Amino acid sequence: ERELVAAITSGGSTNYADSVKGRFTISRGSGKIMVYLQMNNLEPED
């Protein structure tokens, strides 16, 4: 099933799936770039 990986609100609050917490970082962009997902230490399960 499709699952939530990370989310960020307009106020800057973030939420992560347990499987990626500590490895992934979501951040807001600017201009036409809306949002980034920095993915670190990737595993085959990703």
All heavy atoms as atom14 arrays in JSON, in Angstrom:
{
  "sequence": "ERELVAAITSGGSTNYADSVKGRFTISRGSGKIMVYLQMNNLEPED",
  "atom14_mask": [
    [1, 1, 1, 1, 1, 1, 1, 1, 1, 0, 0, 0, 0, 0],
    [1, 1, 1, 1, 1, 1, 1, 1, 1, 1, 1, 0, 0, 0],
    [1, 1, 1, 1, 1, 1, 1, 1, 1, 0, 0, 0, 0, 0],
    [1, 1, 1, 1, 1, 1, 1, 1, 0, 0, 0, 0, 0, 0],
    [1, 1, 1, 1, 1, 1, 1, 0, 0, 0, 0, 0, 0, 0],
    [1, 1, 1, 1, 1, 0, 0, 0, 0, 0, 0, 0, 0, 0],
    [1, 1, 1, 1, 1, 0, 0, 0, 0, 0, 0, 0, 0, 0],
    [1, 1, 1, 1, 1, 1, 1, 1, 0, 0, 0, 0, 0, 0],
    [1, 1, 1, 1, 1, 1, 1, 0, 0, 0, 0, 0, 0, 0],
    [1, 1, 1, 1, 1, 1, 0, 0, 0, 0, 0, 0, 0, 0],
    [1, 1, 1, 1, 0, 0, 0, 0, 0, 0, 0, 0, 0, 0],
    [1, 1, 1, 1, 0, 0, 0, 0, 0, 0, 0, 0, 0, 0],
    [1, 1, 1, 1, 1, 1, 0, 0, 0, 0, 0, 0, 0, 0],
    [1, 1, 1, 1, 1, 1, 1, 0, 0, 0, 0, 0, 0, 0],
    [1, 1, 1, 1, 1, 1, 1, 1, 0, 0, 0, 0, 0, 0],
    [1, 1, 1, 1, 1, 1, 1, 1, 1, 1, 1, 1, 0, 0],
    [1, 1, 1, 1, 1, 0, 0, 0, 0, 0, 0, 0, 0, 0],
    [1, 1, 1, 1, 1, 1, 1, 1, 0, 0, 0, 0, 0, 0],
    [1, 1, 1, 1, 1, 1, 0, 0, 0, 0, 0, 0, 0, 0],
    [1, 1, 1, 1, 1, 1, 1, 0, 0, 0, 0, 0, 0, 0],
    [1, 1, 1, 1, 1, 1, 1, 1, 1, 0, 0, 0, 0, 0],
    [1, 1, 1, 1, 0, 0, 0, 0, 0, 0, 0, 0, 0, 0],
    [1, 1, 1, 1, 1, 1, 1, 1, 1, 1, 1, 0, 0, 0],
    [1, 1, 1, 1, 1, 1, 1, 1, 1, 1, 1, 0, 0, 0],
    [1, 1, 1, 1, 1, 1, 1, 0, 0, 0, 0, 0, 0, 0],
    [1, 1, 1, 1, 1, 1, 1, 1, 0, 0, 0, 0, 0, 0],
    [1, 1, 1, 1, 1, 1, 0, 0, 0, 0, 0, 0, 0, 0],
    [1, 1, 1, 1, 1, 1, 1, 1, 1, 1, 1, 0, 0, 0],
    [1, 1, 1, 1, 0, 0, 0, 0, 0, 0, 0, 0, 0, 0],
    [1, 1, 1, 1, 1, 1, 0, 0, 0, 0, 0, 0, 0, 0],
    [1, 1, 1, 1, 0, 0, 0, 0, 0, 0, 0, 0, 0, 0],
    [1, 1, 1, 1, 1, 1, 1, 1, 1, 0, 0, 0, 0, 0],
    [1, 1, 1, 1, 1, 1, 1, 1, 0, 0, 0, 0, 0, 0],
    [1, 1, 1, 1, 1, 1, 1, 1, 0, 0, 0, 0, 0, 0],
    [1, 1, 1, 1, 1, 1, 1, 0, 0, 0, 0, 0, 0, 0],
    [1, 1, 1, 1, 1, 1, 1, 1, 1, 1, 1, 1, 0, 0],
    [1, 1, 1, 1, 1, 1, 1, 1, 0, 0, 0, 0, 0, 0],
    [1, 1, 1, 1, 1, 1, 1, 1, 1, 0, 0, 0, 0, 0],
    [1, 1, 1, 1, 1, 1, 1, 1, 0, 0, 0, 0, 0, 0],
    [1, 1, 1, 1, 1, 1, 1, 1, 0, 0, 0, 0, 0, 0],
    [1, 1, 1, 1, 1, 1, 1, 1, 0, 0, 0, 0, 0, 0],
    [1, 1, 1, 1, 1, 1, 1, 1, 0, 0, 0, 0, 0, 0],
    [1, 1, 1, 1, 1, 1, 1, 1, 1, 0, 0, 0, 0, 0],
    [1, 1, 1, 1, 1, 1, 1, 0, 0, 0, 0, 0, 0, 0],
    [1, 1, 1, 1, 1, 1, 1, 1, 1, 0, 0, 0, 0, 0],
    [1, 1, 1, 1, 1, 1, 1, 1, 0, 0, 0, 0, 0, 0]
  ],
  "atom14_positions": [
    [[0.83, -1.2, 0.0], [0.0, 0.0, 0.0], [0.87, 1.25, 0.0], [2.0, 1.25, 0.48], [-0.92, 0.01, 1.22], [-1.91, -1.14, 1.28], [-2.99, -1.01, 0.23], [-3.38, 0.13, -0.09], [-3.45, -2.05, -0.27], [0.0, 0.0, 0.0], [0.0, 0.0, 0.0], [0.0, 0.0, 0.0], [0.0, 0.0, 0.0], [0.0, 0.0, 0.0]],
    [[0.32, 2.35, -0.54], [1.0, 3.62, -0.47], [1.05, 4.09, 0.98], [0.04, 4.03, 1.7], [0.29, 4.66, -1.34], [1.0, 5.99, -1.41], [0.31, 6.97, -2.35], [0.28, 6.48, -3.72], [-0.12, 7.2, -4.76], [-0.5, 8.46, -4.58], [-0.13, 6.67, -5.96], [0.0, 0.0, 0.0], [0.0, 0.0, 0.0], [0.0, 0.0, 0.0]],
    [[2.21, 4.57, 1.42], [2.38, 4.99, 2.8], [2.99, 6.37, 2.89], [3.75, 6.79, 2.02], [3.26, 3.99, 3.57], [4.69, 3.91, 3.05], [5.59, 3.04, 3.91], [5.2, 2.7, 5.04], [6.71, 2.71, 3.46], [0.0, 0.0, 0.0], [0.0, 0.0, 0.0], [0.0, 0.0, 0.0], [0.0, 0.0, 0.0], [0.0, 0.0, 0.0]],
    [[2.65, 7.08, 3.95], [3.23, 8.39, 4.21], [4.67, 8.22, 4.68], [4.94, 7.45, 5.61], [2.42, 9.13, 5.27], [2.98, 10.48, 5.72], [2.93, 11.5, 4.58], [2.22, 11.0, 6.94], [0.0, 0.0, 0.0], [0.0, 0.0, 0.0], [0.0, 0.0, 0.0], [0.0, 0.0, 0.0], [0.0, 0.0, 0.0], [0.0, 0.0, 0.0]],
    [[5.59, 8.94, 4.06], [7.0, 8.93, 4.44], [7.31, 10.1, 5.36], [7.92, 9.93, 6.41], [7.91, 8.97, 3.2], [9.38, 9.03, 3.61], [7.65, 7.76, 2.32], [0.0, 0.0, 0.0], [0.0, 0.0, 0.0], [0.0, 0.0, 0.0], [0.0, 0.0, 0.0], [0.0, 0.0, 0.0], [0.0, 0.0, 0.0], [0.0, 0.0, 0.0]],
    [[6.92, 11.31, 4.95], [7.19, 12.51, 5.72], [6.21, 13.6, 5.33], [5.72, 13.63, 4.2], [8.63, 12.99, 5.49], [0.0, 0.0, 0.0], [0.0, 0.0, 0.0], [0.0, 0.0, 0.0], [0.0, 0.0, 0.0], [0.0, 0.0, 0.0], [0.0, 0.0, 0.0], [0.0, 0.0, 0.0], [0.0, 0.0, 0.0], [0.0, 0.0, 0.0]],
    [[5.92, 14.49, 6.27], [5.01, 15.6, 6.01], [5.49, 16.83, 6.76], [6.15, 16.73, 7.79], [3.59, 15.25, 6.43], [0.0, 0.0, 0.0], [0.0, 0.0, 0.0], [0.0, 0.0, 0.0], [0.0, 0.0, 0.0], [0.0, 0.0, 0.0], [0.0, 0.0, 0.0], [0.0, 0.0, 0.0], [0.0, 0.0, 0.0], [0.0, 0.0, 0.0]],
    [[5.13, 18.01, 6.23], [5.47, 19.27, 6.88], [4.29, 20.23, 6.72], [3.71, 20.34, 5.64], [6.77, 19.86, 6.3], [7.17, 21.13, 7.06], [6.65, 20.13, 4.81], [8.59, 21.61, 6.73], [0.0, 0.0, 0.0], [0.0, 0.0, 0.0], [0.0, 0.0, 0.0], [0.0, 0.0, 0.0], [0.0, 0.0, 0.0], [0.0, 0.0, 0.0]],
    [[3.92, 20.9, 7.8], [2.8, 21.83, 7.78], [3.28, 23.23, 7.43], [4.48, 23.51, 7.38], [2.09, 21.86, 9.14], [2.95, 22.47, 10.11], [1.72, 20.47, 9.59], [0.0, 0.0, 0.0], [0.0, 0.0, 0.0], [0.0, 0.0, 0.0], [0.0, 0.0, 0.0], [0.0, 0.0, 0.0], [0.0, 0.0, 0.0], [0.0, 0.0, 0.0]],
    [[2.32, 24.13, 7.21], [2.67, 25.52, 6.92], [3.43, 26.17, 8.06], [4.2, 27.1, 7.84], [1.41, 26.32, 6.6], [0.52, 26.32, 7.7], [0.0, 0.0, 0.0], [0.0, 0.0, 0.0], [0.0, 0.0, 0.0], [0.0, 0.0, 0.0], [0.0, 0.0, 0.0], [0.0, 0.0, 0.0], [0.0, 0.0, 0.0], [0.0, 0.0, 0.0]],
    [[3.21, 25.68, 9.28], [3.9, 26.2, 10.44], [5.28, 25.61, 10.66], [6.0, 26.04, 11.57], [0.0, 0.0, 0.0], [0.0, 0.0, 0.0], [0.0, 0.0, 0.0], [0.0, 0.0, 0.0], [0.0, 0.0, 0.0], [0.0, 0.0, 0.0], [0.0, 0.0, 0.0], [0.0, 0.0, 0.0], [0.0, 0.0, 0.0], [0.0, 0.0, 0.0]],
    [[5.65, 24.61, 9.85], [6.97, 24.02, 9.95], [7.05, 22.74, 10.76], [8.14, 22.16, 10.88], [0.0, 0.0, 0.0], [0.0, 0.0, 0.0], [0.0, 0.0, 0.0], [0.0, 0.0, 0.0], [0.0, 0.0, 0.0], [0.0, 0.0, 0.0], [0.0, 0.0, 0.0], [0.0, 0.0, 0.0], [0.0, 0.0, 0.0], [0.0, 0.0, 0.0]],
    [[5.94, 22.28, 11.31], [5.94, 21.02, 12.05], [6.14, 19.86, 11.08], [5.57, 19.85, 9.99], [4.64, 20.84, 12.82], [4.48, 21.87, 13.79], [0.0, 0.0, 0.0], [0.0, 0.0, 0.0], [0.0, 0.0, 0.0], [0.0, 0.0, 0.0], [0.0, 0.0, 0.0], [0.0, 0.0, 0.0], [0.0, 0.0, 0.0], [0.0, 0.0, 0.0]],
    [[6.92, 18.86, 11.49], [7.21, 17.71, 10.64], [6.78, 16.42, 11.29], [6.67, 16.32, 12.51], [8.71, 17.64, 10.31], [9.47, 17.55, 11.53], [9.16, 18.86, 9.53], [0.0, 0.0, 0.0], [0.0, 0.0, 0.0], [0.0, 0.0, 0.0], [0.0, 0.0, 0.0], [0.0, 0.0, 0.0], [0.0, 0.0, 0.0], [0.0, 0.0, 0.0]],
    [[6.56, 15.42, 10.44], [6.18, 14.09, 10.9], [6.8, 13.07, 9.96], [6.81, 13.28, 8.75], [4.66, 13.95, 10.92], [4.21, 12.65, 11.54], [4.72, 12.22, 12.57], [3.23, 11.99, 10.91], [0.0, 0.0, 0.0], [0.0, 0.0, 0.0], [0.0, 0.0, 0.0], [0.0, 0.0, 0.0], [0.0, 0.0, 0.0], [0.0, 0.0, 0.0]],
    [[7.34, 11.98, 10.52], [8.02, 10.97, 9.73], [7.52, 9.58, 10.08], [7.13, 9.3, 11.22], [9.53, 11.0, 9.98], [10.21, 12.28, 9.59], [10.37, 13.31, 10.5], [10.69, 12.45, 8.3], [11.0, 14.49, 10.14], [11.32, 13.63, 7.93], [11.47, 14.65, 8.86], [12.09, 15.81, 8.48], [0.0, 0.0, 0.0], [0.0, 0.0, 0.0]],
    [[7.55, 8.7, 9.08], [7.31, 7.29, 9.34], [8.44, 6.74, 10.19], [9.59, 7.17, 10.07], [7.22, 6.52, 8.02], [0.0, 0.0, 0.0], [0.0, 0.0, 0.0], [0.0, 0.0, 0.0], [0.0, 0.0, 0.0], [0.0, 0.0, 0.0], [0.0, 0.0, 0.0], [0.0, 0.0, 0.0], [0.0, 0.0, 0.0], [0.0, 0.0, 0.0]],
    [[8.12, 5.79, 11.06], [9.13, 5.21, 11.95], [10.3, 4.62, 11.16], [11.45, 4.67, 11.61], [8.51, 4.15, 12.84], [7.6, 4.73, 13.91], [7.71, 5.94, 14.2], [6.77, 3.97, 14.45], [0.0, 0.0, 0.0], [0.0, 0.0, 0.0], [0.0, 0.0, 0.0], [0.0, 0.0, 0.0], [0.0, 0.0, 0.0], [0.0, 0.0, 0.0]],
    [[10.03, 4.07, 9.99], [11.05, 3.4, 9.21], [12.11, 4.34, 8.65], [13.2, 3.9, 8.29], [10.41, 2.61, 8.07], [9.67, 3.46, 7.22], [0.0, 0.0, 0.0], [0.0, 0.0, 0.0], [0.0, 0.0, 0.0], [0.0, 0.0, 0.0], [0.0, 0.0, 0.0], [0.0, 0.0, 0.0], [0.0, 0.0, 0.0], [0.0, 0.0, 0.0]],
    [[11.8, 5.64, 8.56], [12.74, 6.6, 7.98], [13.18, 7.66, 8.98], [14.06, 8.48, 8.66], [12.15, 7.3, 6.74], [11.65, 6.27, 5.74], [11.03, 8.26, 7.13], [0.0, 0.0, 0.0], [0.0, 0.0, 0.0], [0.0, 0.0, 0.0], [0.0, 0.0, 0.0], [0.0, 0.0, 0.0], [0.0, 0.0, 0.0], [0.0, 0.0, 0.0]],
    [[12.62, 7.66, 10.17], [12.96, 8.66, 11.18], [14.45, 8.6, 11.5], [15.0, 7.53, 11.76], [12.11, 8.44, 12.43], [12.15, 9.59, 13.42], [11.12, 9.38, 14.53], [9.71, 9.31, 13.98], [8.69, 9.13, 15.06], [0.0, 0.0, 0.0], [0.0, 0.0, 0.0], [0.0, 0.0, 0.0], [0.0, 0.0, 0.0], [0.0, 0.0, 0.0]],
    [[15.09, 9.76, 11.46], [16.52, 9.83, 11.7], [17.36, 9.7, 10.46], [18.57, 10.0, 10.5], [0.0, 0.0, 0.0], [0.0, 0.0, 0.0], [0.0, 0.0, 0.0], [0.0, 0.0, 0.0], [0.0, 0.0, 0.0], [0.0, 0.0, 0.0], [0.0, 0.0, 0.0], [0.0, 0.0, 0.0], [0.0, 0.0, 0.0], [0.0, 0.0, 0.0]],
    [[16.77, 9.26, 9.34], [17.5, 9.11, 8.08], [17.05, 10.11, 7.02], [17.86, 10.58, 6.23], [17.34, 7.7, 7.53], [17.92, 6.61, 8.42], [17.93, 5.26, 7.69], [16.58, 4.8, 7.36], [16.15, 4.51, 6.14], [16.97, 4.64, 5.1], [14.91, 4.09, 5.95], [0.0, 0.0, 0.0], [0.0, 0.0, 0.0], [0.0, 0.0, 0.0]],
    [[15.74, 10.42, 6.99], [15.18, 11.33, 5.98], [14.85, 12.67, 6.61], [14.49, 12.75, 7.79], [13.9, 10.75, 5.38], [14.09, 9.53, 4.52], [15.31, 8.88, 4.45], [13.02, 9.03, 3.79], [15.47, 7.75, 3.66], [13.17, 7.9, 3.0], [14.39, 7.26, 2.93], [0.0, 0.0, 0.0], [0.0, 0.0, 0.0], [0.0, 0.0, 0.0]],
    [[14.91, 13.73, 5.8], [14.55, 15.07, 6.25], [13.71, 15.75, 5.19], [14.12, 15.85, 4.03], [15.79, 15.93, 6.53], [16.61, 15.29, 7.53], [15.38, 17.31, 7.04], [0.0, 0.0, 0.0], [0.0, 0.0, 0.0], [0.0, 0.0, 0.0], [0.0, 0.0, 0.0], [0.0, 0.0, 0.0], [0.0, 0.0, 0.0], [0.0, 0.0, 0.0]],
    [[12.52, 16.22, 5.57], [11.66, 16.97, 4.67], [11.85, 18.46, 4.94], [11.99, 18.87, 6.09], [10.19, 16.56, 4.83], [9.31, 17.21, 3.76], [9.67, 16.88, 6.23], [7.88, 16.68, 3.72], [0.0, 0.0, 0.0], [0.0, 0.0, 0.0], [0.0, 0.0, 0.0], [0.0, 0.0, 0.0], [0.0, 0.0, 0.0], [0.0, 0.0, 0.0]],
    [[11.86, 19.26, 3.89], [12.05, 20.7, 4.05], [11.3, 21.45, 2.96], [11.07, 20.93, 1.86], [13.53, 21.08, 4.03], [14.13, 20.73, 2.8], [0.0, 0.0, 0.0], [0.0, 0.0, 0.0], [0.0, 0.0, 0.0], [0.0, 0.0, 0.0], [0.0, 0.0, 0.0], [0.0, 0.0, 0.0], [0.0, 0.0, 0.0], [0.0, 0.0, 0.0]],
    [[10.91, 22.67, 3.25], [10.21, 23.51, 2.3], [11.17, 24.13, 1.3], [12.3, 24.47, 1.63], [9.43, 24.61, 3.02], [8.24, 24.1, 3.82], [7.62, 25.2, 4.66], [8.49, 25.58, 5.77], [8.17, 26.45, 6.71], [6.98, 27.05, 6.67], [9.01, 26.73, 7.68], [0.0, 0.0, 0.0], [0.0, 0.0, 0.0], [0.0, 0.0, 0.0]],
    [[10.7, 24.28, 0.06], [11.48, 24.95, -0.97], [11.05, 26.39, -1.12], [10.39, 26.97, -0.26], [0.0, 0.0, 0.0], [0.0, 0.0, 0.0], [0.0, 0.0, 0.0], [0.0, 0.0, 0.0], [0.0, 0.0, 0.0], [0.0, 0.0, 0.0], [0.0, 0.0, 0.0], [0.0, 0.0, 0.0], [0.0, 0.0, 0.0], [0.0, 0.0, 0.0]],
    [[11.43, 26.99, -2.25], [11.05, 28.36, -2.56], [10.8, 28.48, -4.06], [11.27, 27.65, -4.85], [12.12, 29.36, -2.12], [13.34, 29.12, -2.79], [0.0, 0.0, 0.0], [0.0, 0.0, 0.0], [0.0, 0.0, 0.0], [0.0, 0.0, 0.0], [0.0, 0.0, 0.0], [0.0, 0.0, 0.0], [0.0, 0.0, 0.0], [0.0, 0.0, 0.0]],
    [[10.07, 29.51, -4.46], [9.73, 29.66, -5.87], [8.87, 28.49, -6.34], [7.9, 28.12, -5.68], [0.0, 0.0, 0.0], [0.0, 0.0, 0.0], [0.0, 0.0, 0.0], [0.0, 0.0, 0.0], [0.0, 0.0, 0.0], [0.0, 0.0, 0.0], [0.0, 0.0, 0.0], [0.0, 0.0, 0.0], [0.0, 0.0, 0.0], [0.0, 0.0, 0.0]],
    [[9.26, 27.91, -7.47], [8.5, 26.79, -8.02], [8.79, 25.46, -7.34], [8.02, 24.51, -7.51], [8.75, 26.67, -9.53], [8.29, 27.87, -10.34], [6.78, 28.05, -10.24], [6.31, 29.27, -11.02], [6.54, 29.13, -12.47], [0.0, 0.0, 0.0], [0.0, 0.0, 0.0], [0.0, 0.0, 0.0], [0.0, 0.0, 0.0], [0.0, 0.0, 0.0]],
    [[9.88, 25.37, -6.59], [10.2, 24.16, -5.84], [9.41, 24.18, -4.54], [9.64, 25.04, -3.68], [11.7, 24.03, -5.56], [12.49, 24.07, -6.86], [11.98, 22.74, -4.79], [12.17, 22.94, -7.81], [0.0, 0.0, 0.0], [0.0, 0.0, 0.0], [0.0, 0.0, 0.0], [0.0, 0.0, 0.0], [0.0, 0.0, 0.0], [0.0, 0.0, 0.0]],
    [[8.5, 23.23, -4.38], [7.6, 23.23, -3.24], [8.23, 22.59, -2.01], [8.11, 23.11, -0.9], [6.31, 22.5, -3.59], [5.58, 23.05, -4.8], [5.06, 24.77, -4.58], [3.89, 24.59, -3.23], [0.0, 0.0, 0.0], [0.0, 0.0, 0.0], [0.0, 0.0, 0.0], [0.0, 0.0, 0.0], [0.0, 0.0, 0.0], [0.0, 0.0, 0.0]],
    [[8.88, 21.44, -2.2], [9.33, 20.66, -1.06], [10.46, 19.72, -1.48], [10.51, 19.28, -2.64], [8.14, 19.87, -0.46], [7.56, 18.9, -1.48], [8.53, 19.17, 0.82], [0.0, 0.0, 0.0], [0.0, 0.0, 0.0], [0.0, 0.0, 0.0], [0.0, 0.0, 0.0], [0.0, 0.0, 0.0], [0.0, 0.0, 0.0], [0.0, 0.0, 0.0]],
    [[11.37, 19.44, -0.54], [12.47, 18.51, -0.75], [12.33, 17.33, 0.19], [11.7, 17.41, 1.25], [13.82, 19.17, -0.46], [14.22, 20.29, -1.38], [14.06, 21.62, -0.99], [14.78, 20.04, -2.62], [14.44, 22.65, -1.81], [15.16, 21.07, -3.46], [14.99, 22.38, -3.05], [15.38, 23.4, -3.88], [0.0, 0.0, 0.0], [0.0, 0.0, 0.0]],
    [[12.96, 16.22, -0.19], [13.12, 15.08, 0.7], [14.58, 14.63, 0.61], [14.98, 14.05, -0.4], [12.19, 13.93, 0.35], [12.26, 12.72, 1.28], [11.73, 13.08, 2.67], [11.5, 11.53, 0.72], [0.0, 0.0, 0.0], [0.0, 0.0, 0.0], [0.0, 0.0, 0.0], [0.0, 0.0, 0.0], [0.0, 0.0, 0.0], [0.0, 0.0, 0.0]],
    [[15.36, 14.92, 1.65], [16.73, 14.45, 1.73], [16.73, 13.05, 2.31], [16.26, 12.84, 3.42], [17.57, 15.39, 2.59], [19.02, 14.93, 2.76], [19.78, 14.93, 1.45], [19.88, 15.96, 0.79], [20.31, 13.77, 1.07], [0.0, 0.0, 0.0], [0.0, 0.0, 0.0], [0.0, 0.0, 0.0], [0.0, 0.0, 0.0], [0.0, 0.0, 0.0]],
    [[17.26, 12.1, 1.56], [17.25, 10.7, 1.94], [18.69, 10.25, 2.21], [19.53, 10.31, 1.32], [16.63, 9.85, 0.83], [15.28, 10.37, 0.35], [14.73, 9.62, -1.22], [14.42, 7.95, -0.71], [0.0, 0.0, 0.0], [0.0, 0.0, 0.0], [0.0, 0.0, 0.0], [0.0, 0.0, 0.0], [0.0, 0.0, 0.0], [0.0, 0.0, 0.0]],
    [[18.96, 9.81, 3.43], [20.3, 9.4, 3.83], [20.34, 7.93, 4.18], [19.36, 7.36, 4.66], [20.79, 10.23, 5.02], [20.94, 11.7, 4.7], [21.34, 12.07, 3.6], [20.64, 12.55, 5.68], [0.0, 0.0, 0.0], [0.0, 0.0, 0.0], [0.0, 0.0, 0.0], [0.0, 0.0, 0.0], [0.0, 0.0, 0.0], [0.0, 0.0, 0.0]],
    [[21.5, 7.31, 3.95], [21.74, 5.92, 4.33], [20.63, 5.0, 3.82], [20.01, 4.27, 4.59], [21.87, 5.81, 5.86], [22.45, 4.5, 6.3], [23.17, 3.84, 5.55], [22.14, 4.1, 7.53], [0.0, 0.0, 0.0], [0.0, 0.0, 0.0], [0.0, 0.0, 0.0], [0.0, 0.0, 0.0], [0.0, 0.0, 0.0], [0.0, 0.0, 0.0]],
    [[20.41, 5.03, 2.52], [19.32, 4.25, 1.94], [19.52, 2.75, 2.11], [20.64, 2.25, 2.08], [19.17, 4.57, 0.46], [18.53, 5.93, 0.12], [18.32, 6.05, -1.39], [17.21, 6.11, 0.84], [0.0, 0.0, 0.0], [0.0, 0.0, 0.0], [0.0, 0.0, 0.0], [0.0, 0.0, 0.0], [0.0, 0.0, 0.0], [0.0, 0.0, 0.0]],
    [[18.41, 2.06, 2.27], [18.37, 0.62, 2.43], [17.55, 0.01, 1.29], [16.73, 0.7, 0.68], [17.74, 0.25, 3.78], [18.4, 0.91, 4.97], [17.59, 0.79, 6.25], [16.44, 0.32, 6.18], [18.12, 1.15, 7.31], [0.0, 0.0, 0.0], [0.0, 0.0, 0.0], [0.0, 0.0, 0.0], [0.0, 0.0, 0.0], [0.0, 0.0, 0.0]],
    [[17.75, -1.27, 0.98], [16.94, -1.9, -0.07], [15.44, -1.77, 0.17], [14.67, -1.67, -0.8], [17.39, -3.36, -0.03], [18.79, -3.3, 0.47], [18.8, -2.18, 1.47], [0.0, 0.0, 0.0], [0.0, 0.0, 0.0], [0.0, 0.0, 0.0], [0.0, 0.0, 0.0], [0.0, 0.0, 0.0], [0.0, 0.0, 0.0], [0.0, 0.0, 0.0]],
    [[15.02, -1.75, 1.43], [13.61, -1.61, 1.77], [13.03, -0.25, 1.4], [11.82, -0.07, 1.4], [13.4, -1.86, 3.27], [13.67, -3.29, 3.72], [15.15, -3.62, 3.8], [15.97, -2.7, 3.85], [15.48, -4.83, 3.8], [0.0, 0.0, 0.0], [0.0, 0.0, 0.0], [0.0, 0.0, 0.0], [0.0, 0.0, 0.0], [0.0, 0.0, 0.0]],
    [[13.88, 0.72, 1.08], [13.42, 2.04, 0.65], [13.03, 2.08, -0.82], [12.51, 3.09, -1.29], [14.5, 3.1, 0.91], [14.8, 3.27, 2.39], [13.85, 3.33, 3.2], [16.0, 3.36, 2.73], [0.0, 0.0, 0.0], [0.0, 0.0, 0.0], [0.0, 0.0, 0.0], [0.0, 0.0, 0.0], [0.0, 0.0, 0.0], [0.0, 0.0, 0.0]]
  ]
}
